[in-house]
Amino acid sequence: MERLLSRIFEKLQNTKAGVLFAAMFFVVAILLCIFGFFRTLFIILFTLVGFFVGSFLFSDSSRFKKFLDRILPPGRFR
């Protein structure tokens, strides 16, 4: 998975910004046509929240373990 993401980021660095934003707005336009404004906004919001939470928690394994210890106390479920 990490190799796939690194390849994608390498290709994105070589891509011009106009092409990248045109593709991004094309996807948003398709979502708007299919789902409507509020559902598309909901999808984009949860995608961004998931990205930031995932990058925050999984950037450091000890941070993720502390998060799990807060949610599930070590003695009860693990």
C-alpha atoms as a PDB file:
ATOM      1  CA  MET A   1       0.000   0.000   0.000  1.00  0.00           C
ATOM      2  CA  GLU A   2       2.798   2.384   0.880  1.00  0.00           C
ATOM      3  CA  ARG A   3       4.569   1.701  -2.413  1.00  0.00           C
ATOM      4  CA  LEU A   4       1.363   2.432  -4.291  1.00  0.00           C
ATOM      5  CA  LEU A   5       0.901   5.753  -2.511  1.00  0.00           C
ATOM      6  CA  SER A   6       4.527   6.740  -3.083  1.00  0.00           C
ATOM      7  CA  ARG A   7       4.159   5.989  -6.816  1.00  0.00           C
ATOM      8  CA  ILE A   8       0.975   8.059  -6.968  1.00  0.00           C
ATOM      9  CA  PHE A   9       2.660  10.989  -5.193  1.00  0.00           C
ATOM     10  CA  GLU A  10       5.663  10.772  -7.547  1.00  0.00           C
ATOM     11  CA  LYS A  11       3.363  10.962 -10.563  1.00  0.00           C
ATOM     12  CA  LEU A  12       1.440  13.848  -9.021  1.00  0.00           C
ATOM     13  CA  GLN A  13       4.648  15.813  -8.489  1.00  0.00           C
ATOM     14  CA  ASN A  14       5.411  15.564 -12.203  1.00  0.00           C
ATOM     15  CA  THR A  15       1.872  16.542 -13.217  1.00  0.00           C
ATOM     16  CA  LYS A  16       0.979  20.137 -13.898  1.00  0.00           C
ATOM     17  CA  ALA A  17      -1.382  21.761 -11.421  1.00  0.00           C
ATOM     18  CA  GLY A  18      -3.958  22.578 -14.095  1.00  0.00           C
ATOM     19  CA  VAL A  19      -4.396  18.934 -15.047  1.00  0.00           C
ATOM     20  CA  LEU A  20      -4.596  17.883 -11.402  1.00  0.00           C
ATOM     21  CA  PHE A  21      -7.249  20.449 -10.486  1.00  0.00           C
ATOM     22  CA  ALA A  22      -9.205  19.793 -13.675  1.00  0.00           C
ATOM     23  CA  ALA A  23      -9.432  16.104 -12.746  1.00  0.00           C
ATOM     24  CA  MET A  24     -10.346  16.926  -9.158  1.00  0.00           C
ATOM     25  CA  PHE A  25     -13.129  19.328 -10.153  1.00  0.00           C
ATOM     26  CA  PHE A  26     -14.368  16.864 -12.755  1.00  0.00           C
ATOM     27  CA  VAL A  27     -14.848  14.280 -10.001  1.00  0.00           C
ATOM     28  CA  VAL A  28     -16.643  16.848  -7.844  1.00  0.00           C
ATOM     29  CA  ALA A  29     -18.895  17.796 -10.769  1.00  0.00           C
ATOM     30  CA  ILE A  30     -19.792  14.143 -11.377  1.00  0.00           C
ATOM     31  CA  LEU A  31     -20.569  13.717  -7.668  1.00  0.00           C
ATOM     32  CA  LEU A  32     -22.785  16.818  -7.757  1.00  0.00           C
ATOM     33  CA  CYS A  33     -24.683  15.530 -10.771  1.00  0.00           C
ATOM     34  CA  ILE A  34     -25.191  12.076  -9.282  1.00  0.00           C
ATOM     35  CA  PHE A  35     -25.822  12.802  -5.591  1.00  0.00           C
ATOM     36  CA  GLY A  36     -26.684  16.498  -5.285  1.00  0.00           C
ATOM     37  CA  PHE A  37     -25.041  19.281  -3.310  1.00  0.00           C
ATOM     38  CA  PHE A  38     -25.521  18.219   0.317  1.00  0.00           C
ATOM     39  CA  ARG A  39     -24.718  14.549  -0.226  1.00  0.00           C
ATOM     40  CA  THR A  40     -21.584  15.514  -2.133  1.00  0.00           C
ATOM     41  CA  LEU A  41     -20.612  17.904   0.638  1.00  0.00           C
ATOM     42  CA  PHE A  42     -21.157  15.092   3.152  1.00  0.00           C
ATOM     43  CA  ILE A  43     -18.945  12.715   1.125  1.00  0.00           C
ATOM     44  CA  ILE A  44     -16.159  15.291   0.769  1.00  0.00           C
ATOM     45  CA  LEU A  45     -16.331  16.256   4.449  1.00  0.00           C
ATOM     46  CA  PHE A  46     -16.080  12.690   5.696  1.00  0.00           C
ATOM     47  CA  THR A  47     -13.303  11.918   3.221  1.00  0.00           C
ATOM     48  CA  LEU A  48     -11.263  14.847   4.530  1.00  0.00           C
ATOM     49  CA  VAL A  49     -11.957  13.957   8.167  1.00  0.00           C
ATOM     50  CA  GLY A  50     -10.954  10.356   7.487  1.00  0.00           C
ATOM     51  CA  PHE A  51      -7.759  11.468   5.791  1.00  0.00           C
ATOM     52  CA  PHE A  52      -6.715  13.776   8.614  1.00  0.00           C
ATOM     53  CA  VAL A  53      -7.631  11.337  11.375  1.00  0.00           C
ATOM     54  CA  GLY A  54      -5.868   8.513   9.563  1.00  0.00           C
ATOM     55  CA  SER A  55      -2.739  10.529   8.907  1.00  0.00           C
ATOM     56  CA  PHE A  56      -2.708  11.774  12.517  1.00  0.00           C
ATOM     57  CA  LEU A  57      -3.251   8.390  14.165  1.00  0.00           C
ATOM     58  CA  PHE A  58      -1.246   6.164  11.865  1.00  0.00           C
ATOM     59  CA  SER A  59       1.760   8.455  11.455  1.00  0.00           C
ATOM     60  CA  ASP A  60       3.160   7.112  14.729  1.00  0.00           C
ATOM     61  CA  SER A  61       2.316   3.637  16.075  1.00  0.00           C
ATOM     62  CA  SER A  62       2.678   4.739  19.708  1.00  0.00           C
ATOM     63  CA  ARG A  63       0.112   7.487  19.116  1.00  0.00           C
ATOM     64  CA  PHE A  64      -2.311   4.897  17.748  1.00  0.00           C
ATOM     65  CA  LYS A  65      -1.727   2.611  20.759  1.00  0.00           C
ATOM     66  CA  LYS A  66      -2.402   5.512  23.137  1.00  0.00           C
ATOM     67  CA  PHE A  67      -5.602   6.265  21.245  1.00  0.00           C
ATOM     68  CA  LEU A  68      -6.716   2.628  21.541  1.00  0.00           C
ATOM     69  CA  ASP A  69      -5.856   2.609  25.244  1.00  0.00           C
ATOM     70  CA  ARG A  70      -8.109   5.619  25.751  1.00  0.00           C
ATOM     71  CA  ILE A  71     -11.009   3.973  23.933  1.00  0.00           C
ATOM     72  CA  LEU A  72     -10.456   0.387  25.100  1.00  0.00           C
ATOM     73  CA  PRO A  73      -8.722   0.106  28.475  1.00  0.00           C
ATOM     74  CA  PRO A  74      -5.821  -2.400  28.286  1.00  0.00           C
ATOM     75  CA  GLY A  75      -7.132  -4.758  30.963  1.00  0.00           C
ATOM     76  CA  ARG A  76     -10.688  -5.236  29.715  1.00  0.00           C
ATOM     77  CA  PHE A  77     -10.687  -6.092  26.035  1.00  0.00           C
ATOM     78  CA  ARG A  78      -7.103  -6.815  25.014  1.00  0.00           C
END
